[in-house]
């Protein structure tokens, strides 16, 4: 029973590290001589605690560089800022050198004999060389574009070049003042890790691959020149008079309602005419149907009468036929 209790006491300082944590990027890279800002996110319950930034992989041997309970130096290389509303504190390191590469730690100082600090680690790699802000640029014919090439501190005094890929004879070099300019290209080196190349008036033949270099470092850049849009020539207005046609009236809810009533009235009239015509047609058919049986009966009676009159003298026998339309009965006398 005593051993689990002792084990729990030993693990108690590490419980916050598992339940609550600080989060940051696992690895970051930065060009030598430039600045880097690292965000460290924490849980809401740590808003009022002290945050710190130190260098090292172990908390017990981490060299403190900045703390939120200490004022940042006016021109210090490391500064720290805490934003409790966003629940993040950020650390900015300036003027980084290749020797500054290594492990760093975001920490929240929880304090107490039985409570460990909550931390997160990140590895910062300071590299030297070159980079390009945008290695694919495009511009309209006749316009200008600017390429921005950045280099690390060790190449500050190196010669800068701008060349067309595959053509060494096209290389343009900065002079002792760090600049070059002609009618089509201007190069400026500020000697603070950036030099720019500006095409003054782009031409279609400027499309292609280029590279900028500082010392032995090179970066490729592609420039695309698009044709200038053609404009239609202005034509003089016709001299003949043109009849003015008023614009069509917009369809409103009231006009559409009026048209709907007209359509409904026409539809009702058409339906009535169809029904009346159909009734007349049915009546004619019914009269024809009633008339046909009576005609057949009359023909039959006349035929019998003719047969009978052939045997008996016409003067001795006379037949009279009366036709009752209502009852369709036939009487003979």
Protein backbone atom coordinates (compact mmCIF):
# COMPACT_ATOMS: atom_id res chain seq x y z
CA UNK A 1 0.00 0.00 0.00
CA UNK A 2 2.89 2.33 0.73
CA UNK A 3 4.59 1.85 -2.67
CA UNK A 4 1.69 3.21 -4.89
CA UNK A 5 1.45 6.22 -2.57
CA UNK A 6 5.16 6.95 -2.89
CA UNK A 7 4.95 6.52 -6.70
CA UNK A 8 2.07 8.99 -6.87
CA UNK A 9 4.06 11.54 -4.89
CA UNK A 10 7.00 11.14 -7.26
CA UNK A 11 4.81 11.67 -10.34
CA UNK A 12 2.83 14.56 -8.87
CA UNK A 13 5.18 17.31 -10.19
CA UNK A 14 4.75 16.00 -13.73
CA UNK A 15 0.95 15.79 -13.80
CA UNK A 16 0.41 19.34 -15.21
CA UNK A 17 2.73 18.55 -18.10
CA UNK A 18 0.35 15.80 -19.19
CA UNK A 19 -2.98 17.42 -18.41
CA UNK A 20 -2.14 20.96 -19.57
CA UNK A 21 0.49 22.06 -22.01
CA UNK A 22 2.21 24.79 -24.02
CA UNK A 23 2.32 24.47 -27.79
CA UNK A 24 4.76 25.83 -30.38
CA UNK A 25 6.40 24.86 -33.67
CA UNK A 26 8.72 21.87 -33.55
CA UNK A 27 11.39 23.32 -35.88
CA UNK A 28 12.04 26.70 -37.45
CA UNK A 29 14.59 27.97 -39.98
CA UNK A 30 15.81 31.51 -40.48
CA UNK A 31 18.39 33.22 -42.63
CA UNK A 32 21.54 34.36 -40.86
CA UNK A 33 21.36 38.00 -39.80
CA UNK A 34 17.55 38.14 -39.86
CA UNK A 35 14.98 38.17 -37.05
CA UNK A 36 12.64 35.40 -35.94
CA UNK A 37 9.42 35.52 -33.90
CA UNK A 38 8.25 32.34 -32.16
CA UNK A 39 4.62 32.02 -30.87
CA UNK A 40 3.99 29.96 -27.73
CA UNK A 41 0.33 29.03 -27.10
CA UNK A 42 -0.90 28.08 -23.63
CA UNK A 43 -4.11 26.96 -21.93
CA UNK A 44 -6.49 29.55 -20.36
CA UNK A 45 -5.63 28.68 -16.75
CA UNK A 46 -2.06 29.98 -17.31
CA UNK A 47 -3.07 33.51 -18.33
CA UNK A 48 -1.78 35.13 -15.13
CA UNK A 49 1.40 33.05 -14.76
CA UNK A 50 4.92 34.19 -15.63
CA UNK A 51 6.18 33.08 -19.06
CA UNK A 52 9.81 32.68 -20.02
CA UNK A 53 12.09 31.80 -22.95
CA UNK A 54 15.32 29.90 -22.44
CA UNK A 55 17.91 27.96 -24.43
CA UNK A 56 18.42 24.29 -23.72
CA UNK A 57 16.77 20.87 -23.90
CA UNK A 58 16.46 20.23 -20.13
CA UNK A 59 14.48 22.46 -17.82
CA UNK A 60 17.02 22.14 -15.04
CA UNK A 61 19.86 23.43 -17.26
CA UNK A 62 17.98 25.87 -19.52
CA UNK A 63 19.62 29.30 -19.87
CA UNK A 64 17.03 32.02 -19.37
CA UNK A 65 16.91 34.65 -22.15
CA UNK A 66 13.70 36.57 -21.46
CA UNK A 67 10.84 36.62 -18.90
CA UNK A 68 7.49 38.42 -18.78
CA UNK A 69 8.12 39.60 -15.21
CA UNK A 70 11.23 41.46 -16.35
CA UNK A 71 11.34 44.52 -18.60
CA UNK A 72 12.65 43.98 -22.12
CA UNK A 73 15.90 45.86 -22.84
CA UNK A 74 15.53 48.84 -25.13
CA UNK A 75 17.70 47.35 -27.87
CA UNK A 76 17.92 43.75 -26.72
CA UNK A 77 18.43 40.84 -29.07
CA UNK A 78 15.60 38.87 -27.36
CA UNK A 79 12.19 40.30 -26.41
CA UNK A 80 9.05 38.65 -25.03
CA UNK A 81 5.41 39.76 -25.15
CA UNK A 82 2.38 38.08 -23.53
CA UNK A 83 -1.20 38.38 -24.83
CA UNK A 84 -3.56 36.80 -22.24
CA UNK A 85 -6.62 37.49 -24.41
CA UNK A 86 -5.28 35.40 -27.29
CA UNK A 87 -3.56 33.03 -24.82
CA UNK A 88 -0.17 33.25 -26.54
CA UNK A 89 3.17 34.79 -25.74
CA UNK A 90 5.67 35.55 -28.50
CA UNK A 91 9.45 35.74 -28.45
CA UNK A 92 11.47 37.74 -31.00
CA UNK A 93 15.17 37.07 -31.60
CA UNK A 94 17.10 39.60 -33.71
CA UNK A 95 20.42 39.46 -35.56
CA UNK A 96 20.64 35.69 -35.50
CA UNK A 97 23.91 34.00 -36.37
CA UNK A 98 24.73 30.46 -37.35
CA UNK A 99 25.98 29.80 -33.82
CA UNK A 100 22.51 30.58 -32.46
CA UNK A 101 21.18 27.30 -33.88
CA UNK A 102 19.92 24.90 -31.20
CA UNK A 103 17.08 23.89 -28.87
CA UNK A 104 14.92 26.52 -27.17
CA UNK A 105 12.03 26.27 -24.74
CA UNK A 106 8.72 28.11 -24.15
CA UNK A 107 7.86 27.85 -20.46
CA UNK A 108 5.09 28.75 -18.03
CA UNK A 109 6.36 29.12 -14.47
CA UNK A 110 3.77 27.34 -12.36
CA UNK A 111 5.92 27.38 -9.19
CA UNK A 112 5.58 25.36 -6.05
CA UNK A 113 7.66 22.53 -4.64
CA UNK A 114 5.35 19.83 -5.97
CA UNK A 115 4.43 21.32 -9.34
CA UNK A 116 6.58 21.28 -12.48
CA UNK A 117 6.60 24.07 -15.07
CA UNK A 118 4.66 23.58 -18.29
CA UNK A 119 6.99 23.80 -21.30
CA UNK A 120 7.32 23.19 -25.04
CA UNK A 121 10.50 22.78 -27.11
CA UNK A 122 11.48 24.01 -30.56
CA UNK A 123 14.65 23.70 -32.64
CA UNK A 124 15.86 26.84 -34.41
CA UNK A 125 18.21 26.45 -37.37
CA UNK A 126 20.10 29.52 -38.57
CA UNK A 127 21.31 29.05 -42.13
CA UNK A 128 23.46 31.11 -44.45
CA UNK A 129 22.92 31.55 -48.16
CA UNK A 130 20.34 33.28 -50.35
CA UNK A 131 16.63 33.38 -50.85
CA UNK A 132 14.16 35.16 -53.16
CA UNK A 133 10.97 36.77 -51.94
CA UNK A 134 9.12 35.74 -55.13
CA UNK A 135 10.82 33.52 -57.70
CA UNK A 136 8.04 33.89 -60.31
CA UNK A 137 7.09 37.35 -61.51
CA UNK A 138 4.94 38.60 -64.35
CA UNK A 139 4.29 42.00 -65.83
CA UNK A 140 2.63 43.66 -68.76
CA UNK A 141 4.71 44.80 -71.70
CA UNK A 142 6.00 48.31 -71.01
CA UNK A 143 5.54 48.07 -67.23
CA UNK A 144 8.18 47.40 -64.56
CA UNK A 145 8.80 44.57 -62.09
CA UNK A 146 11.22 44.23 -59.17
CA UNK A 147 13.01 41.09 -57.99
CA UNK A 148 14.07 41.04 -54.33
CA UNK A 149 17.04 38.78 -53.48
CA UNK A 150 18.06 38.33 -49.85
CA UNK A 151 21.42 37.06 -48.57
CA UNK A 152 22.91 36.20 -45.20
CA UNK A 153 25.26 38.45 -43.24
CA UNK A 154 28.47 36.84 -44.42
CA UNK A 155 27.72 37.85 -48.04
CA UNK A 156 27.19 41.51 -47.26
CA UNK A 157 30.41 42.62 -48.96
CA UNK A 158 30.34 39.98 -51.72
CA UNK A 159 29.80 40.89 -55.36
CA UNK A 160 26.18 40.65 -56.49
CA UNK A 161 25.21 39.45 -59.97
CA UNK A 162 22.10 39.29 -62.12
CA UNK A 163 22.36 36.96 -65.13
CA UNK A 164 20.12 35.39 -67.70
CA UNK A 165 20.15 31.61 -67.29
CA UNK A 166 22.37 29.89 -69.88
CA UNK A 167 24.08 33.10 -70.98
CA UNK A 168 27.11 34.11 -68.90
CA UNK A 169 27.79 37.09 -71.12
CA UNK A 170 24.53 38.67 -69.97
CA UNK A 171 25.62 38.97 -66.31
CA UNK A 172 25.31 42.42 -64.71
CA UNK A 173 27.52 43.15 -61.68
CA UNK A 174 27.19 45.71 -58.93
CA UNK A 175 30.09 48.12 -58.66
CA UNK A 176 31.96 49.31 -55.61
CA UNK A 177 28.93 51.35 -54.58
CA UNK A 178 26.67 48.31 -54.78
CA UNK A 179 24.64 49.50 -57.74
CA UNK A 180 24.23 49.16 -61.51
CA UNK A 181 21.89 50.94 -63.91
CA UNK A 182 21.26 51.23 -67.64
CA UNK A 183 18.25 52.04 -69.80
CA UNK A 184 16.47 48.78 -69.06
CA UNK A 185 17.71 47.41 -65.67
CA UNK A 186 18.58 48.91 -62.28
CA UNK A 187 20.30 46.97 -59.46
CA UNK A 188 20.52 48.26 -55.88
CA UNK A 189 22.33 46.59 -52.96
CA UNK A 190 21.51 48.11 -49.58
CA UNK A 191 24.35 46.17 -47.90
CA UNK A 192 21.87 44.97 -45.26
CA UNK A 193 21.10 41.50 -46.68
CA UNK A 194 18.91 42.59 -49.64
CA UNK A 195 19.55 43.63 -53.22
CA UNK A 196 16.87 44.36 -55.82
CA UNK A 197 16.72 44.12 -59.61
CA UNK A 198 14.18 46.31 -61.43
CA UNK A 199 13.15 45.95 -65.08
CA UNK A 200 12.26 49.48 -66.10
CA UNK A 201 10.29 48.81 -69.29
CA UNK A 202 9.49 45.18 -69.92
CA UNK A 203 9.67 43.83 -73.46
CA UNK A 204 8.43 40.52 -74.77
CA UNK A 205 11.99 39.29 -75.25
CA UNK A 206 12.61 39.70 -71.49
CA UNK A 207 10.56 36.57 -70.76
CA UNK A 208 12.78 33.78 -69.43
CA UNK A 209 14.80 32.37 -66.51
CA UNK A 210 17.32 34.48 -64.58
CA UNK A 211 19.41 34.05 -61.46
CA UNK A 212 20.73 36.39 -58.80
CA UNK A 213 23.89 35.55 -56.85
CA UNK A 214 25.88 36.70 -53.84
CA UNK A 215 29.29 35.07 -53.58
CA UNK A 216 28.80 31.41 -54.53
CA UNK A 217 25.08 31.38 -53.69
CA UNK A 218 22.54 31.50 -56.54
CA UNK A 219 18.73 31.65 -56.76
CA UNK A 220 16.65 31.16 -59.92
CA UNK A 221 13.89 33.59 -60.92
CA UNK A 222 11.39 33.34 -63.79
CA UNK A 223 10.05 36.50 -65.44
CA UNK A 224 6.96 36.38 -67.66
CA UNK A 225 6.02 39.33 -69.89
CA UNK A 226 2.42 39.46 -71.07
CA UNK A 227 1.41 41.39 -74.21
CA UNK A 228 -0.14 44.78 -73.86
CA UNK A 229 -3.92 44.66 -74.44
CA UNK A 230 -5.00 46.13 -77.77
CA UNK A 231 -7.53 48.97 -77.77
CA UNK A 232 -10.16 49.50 -80.46
CA UNK A 233 -9.74 52.77 -82.42
CA UNK A 234 -12.29 55.41 -81.60
CA UNK A 235 -14.87 55.90 -84.38
CA UNK A 236 -16.69 59.14 -85.10
CA UNK A 237 -20.40 59.09 -84.33
CA UNK A 238 -22.76 58.75 -87.35
CA UNK A 239 -24.15 61.97 -88.78
CA UNK A 240 -27.62 60.66 -89.59
CA UNK A 241 -30.26 61.09 -86.96
CA UNK A 242 -31.23 58.05 -85.02
CA UNK A 243 -34.74 57.62 -83.76
CA UNK A 244 -34.89 57.48 -80.04
CA UNK A 245 -36.57 54.41 -78.64
CA UNK A 246 -37.76 54.69 -75.08
CA UNK A 247 -36.42 52.02 -72.77
CA UNK A 248 -38.76 49.14 -72.08
CA UNK A 249 -40.86 49.52 -69.01
CA UNK A 250 -39.67 47.37 -66.18
CA UNK A 251 -41.90 44.53 -65.14
CA UNK A 252 -43.30 45.36 -61.73
CA UNK A 253 -45.53 43.42 -59.42
CA UNK A 254 -48.57 45.60 -60.30
CA UNK A 255 -48.08 45.32 -64.08
CA UNK A 256 -47.58 41.59 -63.83
CA UNK A 257 -50.74 41.29 -61.70
CA UNK A 258 -52.79 43.25 -64.31
CA UNK A 259 -51.52 41.05 -67.13
CA UNK A 260 -52.37 37.98 -65.07
CA UNK A 261 -56.00 39.16 -64.67
CA UNK A 262 -56.29 39.74 -68.45
CA UNK A 263 -54.95 36.27 -69.17
CA UNK A 264 -57.36 34.73 -66.67
CA UNK A 265 -60.35 36.55 -68.28
CA UNK A 266 -59.35 35.41 -71.78
CA UNK A 267 -58.94 31.86 -70.53
CA UNK A 268 -62.44 31.88 -68.94
CA UNK A 269 -64.05 33.24 -72.14
CA UNK A 270 -62.31 30.65 -74.26
CA UNK A 271 -63.45 27.86 -71.92
CA UNK A 272 -67.08 29.07 -72.08
CA UNK A 273 -67.00 29.17 -75.89
CA UNK A 274 -65.61 25.64 -76.01
CA UNK A 275 -68.32 24.37 -73.66
CA UNK A 276 -71.13 26.08 -75.65
CA UNK A 277 -69.82 24.68 -78.93
CA UNK A 278 -69.55 21.22 -77.41
CA UNK A 279 -73.16 21.45 -76.08
CA UNK A 280 -74.50 22.43 -79.54
CA UNK A 281 -72.58 19.57 -81.14
CA UNK A 282 -74.02 17.05 -78.61
CA UNK A 283 -77.55 18.35 -79.15
CA UNK A 284 -77.26 17.86 -82.91
CA UNK A 285 -76.00 14.34 -82.43
CA UNK A 286 -78.90 13.56 -80.07
CA UNK A 287 -81.50 14.85 -82.56
CA UNK A 288 -79.95 12.82 -85.32
CA UNK A 289 -80.00 9.76 -83.06
CA UNK A 290 -83.73 10.21 -82.36
CA UNK A 291 -84.61 10.85 -85.99
CA UNK A 292 -82.95 7.80 -87.50
CA UNK A 293 -85.17 5.10 -85.74
CA UNK A 294 -88.37 6.88 -86.81
CA UNK A 295 -87.24 7.02 -90.44
CA UNK A 296 -86.44 3.31 -90.39
CA UNK A 297 -89.91 2.48 -88.97
CA UNK A 298 -91.62 4.62 -91.66
CA UNK A 299 -89.67 2.86 -94.40
CA UNK A 300 -90.63 -0.55 -93.01
CA UNK A 301 -94.33 0.41 -92.82
CA UNK A 302 -94.29 1.75 -96.40
CA UNK A 303 -92.67 -1.45 -97.61
CA UNK A 304 -95.35 -3.60 -95.91
CA UNK A 305 -98.05 -1.37 -97.30
CA UNK A 306 -96.71 -1.68 -100.85
CA UNK A 307 -96.59 -5.47 -100.54
CA UNK A 308 -100.16 -5.57 -99.29
CA UNK A 309 -101.51 -3.21 -101.95
CA UNK A 310 -100.06 -5.46 -104.68
CA UNK A 311 -102.51 -8.23 -103.73
CA UNK A 312 -105.57 -6.14 -103.02
CA UNK A 313 -107.11 -3.55 -105.30
CA UNK A 314 -106.10 0.00 -104.45
CA UNK A 315 -109.72 1.19 -104.53
CA UNK A 316 -110.92 -1.43 -101.98
CA UNK A 317 -108.18 -0.84 -99.37
CA UNK A 318 -106.66 2.39 -98.16
CA UNK A 319 -104.07 2.66 -95.43
CA UNK A 320 -103.40 5.78 -93.41
CA UNK A 321 -100.32 6.03 -91.23
CA UNK A 322 -100.15 8.34 -88.21
CA UNK A 323 -96.73 8.89 -86.60
CA UNK A 324 -96.60 10.01 -82.99
CA UNK A 325 -93.26 11.73 -82.43
CA UNK A 326 -93.45 11.69 -78.68
CA UNK A 327 -94.23 8.03 -78.16
CA UNK A 328 -92.84 6.82 -81.49
CA UNK A 329 -96.07 4.62 -81.91
CA UNK A 330 -97.53 3.86 -85.36
CA UNK A 331 -101.29 3.42 -85.96
CA UNK A 332 -102.87 2.16 -89.11
CA UNK A 333 -106.48 2.60 -90.17
